[in-house]
Amino acid sequence: KRQLRPYLYSIIILFCLLFLFSVIFSALYAGSVINKNVYDILLLICGYLSFLCGGLCFGFFIEKKALFQALFVSLLLAGASFLIGENIRWIHLCAHSLLWLAASMIVFSLRSH
């Protein structure tokens, strides 16, 4: 169970934040508080924030072989995003994965020193 903690916590944080931002901004858009362009921009920015927070959480909890594990999860998330997304841009797919990977490596390196 201890070995799965980084994976579970980071994925839970990622999905919870994505869901929370999606619900909030969809409610604002449905209530005509924000227009379509602002809605798209907010979802894009909060998608990056969600991946950043998930990577930070993973980097905080990982203990051994951090680069290999972070790379594996980053590729797994990219693959899942590719399969789920119907009209996804490659630049965003790569940027989300690289942001997650960089955040986890930075936190791991800071924590290990």
Protein backbone atom coordinates (compact mmCIF):
# COMPACT_ATOMS: atom_id res chain seq x y z
CA LYS A 1 0.00 0.00 0.00
CA ARG A 2 2.80 2.40 0.79
CA GLN A 3 4.25 2.08 -2.72
CA LEU A 4 0.93 3.10 -4.31
CA ARG A 5 0.47 6.23 -2.19
CA PRO A 6 2.24 8.63 -4.60
CA TYR A 7 0.26 7.32 -7.56
CA LEU A 8 -3.09 7.40 -5.81
CA TYR A 9 -2.68 10.81 -4.19
CA SER A 10 -1.41 12.50 -7.34
CA ILE A 11 -4.13 11.01 -9.55
CA ILE A 12 -6.84 11.84 -6.99
CA ILE A 13 -5.62 15.44 -6.73
CA LEU A 14 -5.40 15.74 -10.51
CA PHE A 15 -8.91 14.42 -11.16
CA CYS A 16 -10.51 16.26 -8.24
CA LEU A 17 -9.05 19.58 -9.35
CA LEU A 18 -10.01 19.00 -12.97
CA PHE A 19 -13.55 18.11 -11.91
CA LEU A 20 -13.82 21.04 -9.50
CA PHE A 21 -12.61 23.60 -12.05
CA SER A 22 -14.82 22.11 -14.73
CA VAL A 23 -17.94 22.28 -12.55
CA ILE A 24 -17.25 25.82 -11.38
CA PHE A 25 -16.53 27.23 -14.82
CA SER A 26 -19.38 25.31 -16.44
CA ALA A 27 -21.78 26.78 -13.89
CA LEU A 28 -20.43 30.26 -14.59
CA TYR A 29 -20.74 29.70 -18.33
CA ALA A 30 -24.26 28.26 -18.04
CA GLY A 31 -25.29 31.23 -15.91
CA SER A 32 -23.95 33.61 -18.59
CA VAL A 33 -21.43 35.10 -16.17
CA ILE A 34 -18.53 34.36 -18.54
CA ASN A 35 -18.48 33.98 -22.30
CA LYS A 36 -17.14 31.07 -24.37
CA ASN A 37 -13.66 32.52 -24.89
CA VAL A 38 -13.11 33.19 -21.18
CA TYR A 39 -14.50 29.73 -20.38
CA ASP A 40 -12.00 28.07 -22.75
CA ILE A 41 -9.07 30.09 -21.40
CA LEU A 42 -9.96 29.38 -17.76
CA LEU A 43 -10.27 25.65 -18.45
CA LEU A 44 -6.92 25.66 -20.22
CA ILE A 45 -5.15 27.49 -17.39
CA CYS A 46 -6.75 25.37 -14.68
CA GLY A 47 -5.83 22.22 -16.58
CA TYR A 48 -2.20 23.24 -16.31
CA LEU A 49 -2.66 24.10 -12.62
CA SER A 50 -4.22 20.69 -11.98
CA PHE A 51 -1.32 18.87 -13.64
CA LEU A 52 1.13 21.04 -11.70
CA CYS A 53 -0.52 20.18 -8.37
CA GLY A 54 -0.64 16.47 -9.27
CA GLY A 55 3.06 16.50 -10.13
CA LEU A 56 3.94 18.35 -6.94
CA CYS A 57 2.03 15.78 -4.90
CA PHE A 58 3.76 12.90 -6.68
CA GLY A 59 7.18 14.44 -6.12
CA PHE A 60 6.44 14.91 -2.45
CA PHE A 61 5.46 11.27 -1.82
CA ILE A 62 7.83 9.37 -4.12
CA GLU A 63 10.83 7.70 -2.45
CA LYS A 64 12.91 5.64 -4.91
CA LYS A 65 13.60 5.63 -8.63
CA ALA A 66 11.74 8.90 -8.96
CA LEU A 67 12.69 9.75 -12.54
CA PHE A 68 11.61 6.39 -13.92
CA GLN A 69 8.33 6.40 -12.00
CA ALA A 70 7.54 10.02 -12.84
CA LEU A 71 8.27 9.40 -16.51
CA PHE A 72 6.04 6.33 -16.47
CA VAL A 73 3.11 8.19 -14.90
CA SER A 74 3.64 11.16 -17.20
CA LEU A 75 3.44 8.91 -20.25
CA LEU A 76 0.44 7.11 -18.78
CA LEU A 77 -1.38 10.41 -18.26
CA ALA A 78 -0.48 11.53 -21.79
CA GLY A 79 -1.81 8.28 -23.20
CA ALA A 80 -5.03 8.55 -21.22
CA SER A 81 -5.47 12.16 -22.31
CA PHE A 82 -4.93 11.16 -25.93
CA LEU A 83 -7.49 8.37 -25.72
CA ILE A 84 -10.09 10.47 -23.91
CA GLY A 85 -9.64 13.71 -25.85
CA GLU A 86 -11.42 13.84 -29.15
CA ASN A 87 -9.89 17.06 -30.46
CA ILE A 88 -6.76 17.49 -28.36
CA ARG A 89 -3.82 19.56 -29.50
CA TRP A 90 -0.44 17.84 -29.34
CA ILE A 91 1.24 20.87 -27.82
CA HIS A 92 -1.13 20.85 -24.85
CA LEU A 93 -0.78 17.11 -24.42
CA CYS A 94 3.01 17.36 -24.30
CA ALA A 95 2.96 20.49 -22.14
CA HIS A 96 0.66 18.87 -19.54
CA SER A 97 2.89 15.81 -19.33
CA LEU A 98 6.12 17.79 -19.18
CA LEU A 99 4.71 20.12 -16.53
CA TRP A 100 3.67 17.13 -14.41
CA LEU A 101 7.09 15.52 -14.87
CA ALA A 102 9.03 18.70 -14.12
CA ALA A 103 6.97 19.51 -11.02
CA SER A 104 7.44 16.04 -9.59
CA MET A 105 11.19 16.05 -10.26
CA ILE A 106 11.70 19.52 -8.77
CA VAL A 107 9.85 18.64 -5.56
CA PHE A 108 11.66 15.30 -5.30
CA SER A 109 15.08 16.92 -5.76
CA LEU A 110 14.31 19.67 -3.24
CA ARG A 111 13.00 17.16 -0.73
CA SER A 112 15.95 14.78 -1.10
CA HIS A 113 18.55 17.51 -0.40
